[in-house]
Amino acid sequence: QVQFVESGGGLVQPGGSLRLSCAASGCTFSSYAMGWYRQAPGKQRELVAAISIGGSRSYVDSVKGRFTISRDNAKNTVYLQMNSLKPEDTAVYYCRATQLTTYWGQGTQVTVSS
């Protein structure tokens, strides 16, 4: 059974950092393009960052210079390092895996508040 499980969310003060992880099982992780999405209350889900099979990265403008996506194919894991967090980064963060089929994780809550 193919699964993607996020972890690493939590409550952090503005200006703080968090690292999200998304661990894959039951699949050949290296053959999937990966993305991190987020959904805030009352808003549509948006793509935050993506990394291709070859390692090419892209970011939404609002997180450029603050967030970094990376992947470790040996550990079947994709990461999202989030620095200089702002209250507007508060959302449920999801990882998405795409090959012939798309898979979503269950999400992890990130709350940025003082």
Protein backbone atom coordinates (compact mmCIF):
# COMPACT_ATOMS: atom_id res chain seq x y z
CA GLN A 1 0.00 0.00 0.00
CA VAL A 2 1.40 3.37 -1.03
CA GLN A 3 1.47 5.93 1.80
CA PHE A 4 2.86 9.39 2.36
CA VAL A 5 2.92 10.58 5.97
CA GLU A 6 3.75 14.14 7.03
CA SER A 7 5.25 15.16 10.35
CA GLY A 8 6.96 18.13 11.96
CA GLY A 9 4.14 20.64 12.27
CA GLY A 10 3.40 22.57 15.41
CA LEU A 11 3.09 25.95 17.05
CA VAL A 12 5.93 28.42 16.48
CA GLN A 13 6.40 32.13 17.12
CA PRO A 14 6.76 34.59 14.25
CA GLY A 15 10.33 34.53 12.98
CA GLY A 16 10.80 30.93 14.05
CA SER A 17 11.55 27.81 12.03
CA LEU A 18 10.08 24.38 11.45
CA ARG A 19 11.08 21.44 9.27
CA LEU A 20 8.33 19.33 7.80
CA SER A 21 8.94 15.77 6.64
CA CYS A 22 6.93 13.54 4.34
CA ALA A 23 7.91 9.89 4.45
CA ALA A 24 6.92 7.48 1.69
CA SER A 25 6.32 3.77 1.89
CA GLY A 26 5.14 1.10 -0.51
CA CYS A 27 6.52 2.81 -3.61
CA THR A 28 9.65 3.74 -5.53
CA PHE A 29 9.98 7.20 -4.02
CA SER A 30 12.70 8.37 -6.40
CA SER A 31 10.30 8.11 -9.36
CA TYR A 32 7.81 10.61 -7.90
CA ALA A 33 7.74 14.35 -8.34
CA MET A 34 6.97 15.84 -4.94
CA GLY A 35 5.21 18.97 -3.78
CA TRP A 36 4.22 20.73 -0.58
CA TYR A 37 0.82 22.39 -0.50
CA ARG A 38 -0.97 24.32 2.20
CA GLN A 39 -4.55 25.21 2.98
CA ALA A 40 -5.54 27.94 5.39
CA PRO A 41 -9.08 28.15 6.82
CA GLY A 42 -11.49 29.49 4.22
CA LYS A 43 -8.89 29.46 1.47
CA GLN A 44 -8.06 27.21 -1.44
CA ARG A 45 -5.20 24.77 -1.24
CA GLU A 46 -2.08 26.27 -2.84
CA LEU A 47 1.21 24.90 -4.06
CA VAL A 48 4.05 26.13 -1.84
CA ALA A 49 7.08 24.31 -3.23
CA ALA A 50 7.87 21.49 -5.63
CA ILE A 51 10.85 19.32 -6.45
CA SER A 52 11.19 17.21 -9.56
CA ILE A 53 12.62 13.72 -9.93
CA GLY A 54 15.87 15.33 -11.05
CA GLY A 55 15.95 17.79 -8.14
CA SER A 56 14.71 20.98 -9.82
CA ARG A 57 12.91 23.21 -7.34
CA SER A 58 10.22 25.86 -7.55
CA TYR A 59 8.47 28.04 -4.99
CA VAL A 60 5.46 30.29 -4.70
CA ASP A 61 6.60 33.91 -4.50
CA SER A 62 5.42 34.38 -0.91
CA VAL A 63 7.92 31.82 0.45
CA LYS A 64 10.93 32.41 -1.78
CA GLY A 65 14.05 32.99 0.30
CA ARG A 66 12.39 31.57 3.42
CA PHE A 67 11.42 27.98 2.57
CA THR A 68 13.57 25.23 1.09
CA ILE A 69 12.31 21.95 -0.33
CA SER A 70 14.65 18.97 -0.52
CA ARG A 71 14.46 15.23 -0.96
CA ASP A 72 16.48 12.27 0.30
CA ASN A 73 15.74 9.32 -1.93
CA ALA A 74 17.75 6.98 0.32
CA LYS A 75 15.36 7.81 3.16
CA ASN A 76 12.22 7.99 0.97
CA THR A 77 11.54 11.43 2.41
CA VAL A 78 10.87 14.95 1.19
CA TYR A 79 11.45 17.92 3.49
CA LEU A 80 10.26 21.50 3.76
CA GLN A 81 12.55 23.72 5.80
CA MET A 82 10.58 26.81 6.81
CA ASN A 83 12.44 29.82 8.22
CA SER A 84 11.35 33.33 9.17
CA LEU A 85 7.80 32.09 9.61
CA LYS A 86 4.96 34.58 9.49
CA PRO A 87 1.39 34.38 10.84
CA GLU A 88 0.16 34.14 7.25
CA ASP A 89 2.04 30.84 6.89
CA THR A 90 -0.48 29.28 9.28
CA ALA A 91 -2.17 26.40 7.47
CA VAL A 92 -2.43 22.65 7.16
CA TYR A 93 0.52 21.52 5.06
CA TYR A 94 0.21 18.52 2.74
CA CYS A 95 2.69 16.65 0.63
CA ARG A 96 1.70 15.45 -2.80
CA ALA A 97 3.38 12.76 -4.85
CA THR A 98 2.89 12.52 -8.59
CA GLN A 99 3.79 9.79 -11.04
CA LEU A 100 1.08 8.12 -13.09
CA THR A 101 -1.11 8.48 -10.00
CA THR A 102 -1.28 11.30 -7.47
CA TYR A 103 -1.11 10.64 -3.75
CA TRP A 104 -1.70 13.02 -0.85
CA GLY A 105 -0.59 12.83 2.74
CA GLN A 106 -2.98 13.44 5.62
CA GLY A 107 -1.59 16.89 6.44
CA THR A 108 0.19 18.48 9.37
CA GLN A 109 -0.88 21.68 11.11
CA VAL A 110 1.48 24.65 11.21
CA THR A 111 0.47 27.55 13.43
CA VAL A 112 2.54 30.73 13.58
CA SER A 113 1.46 32.88 16.49
CA SER A 114 2.85 34.77 19.45
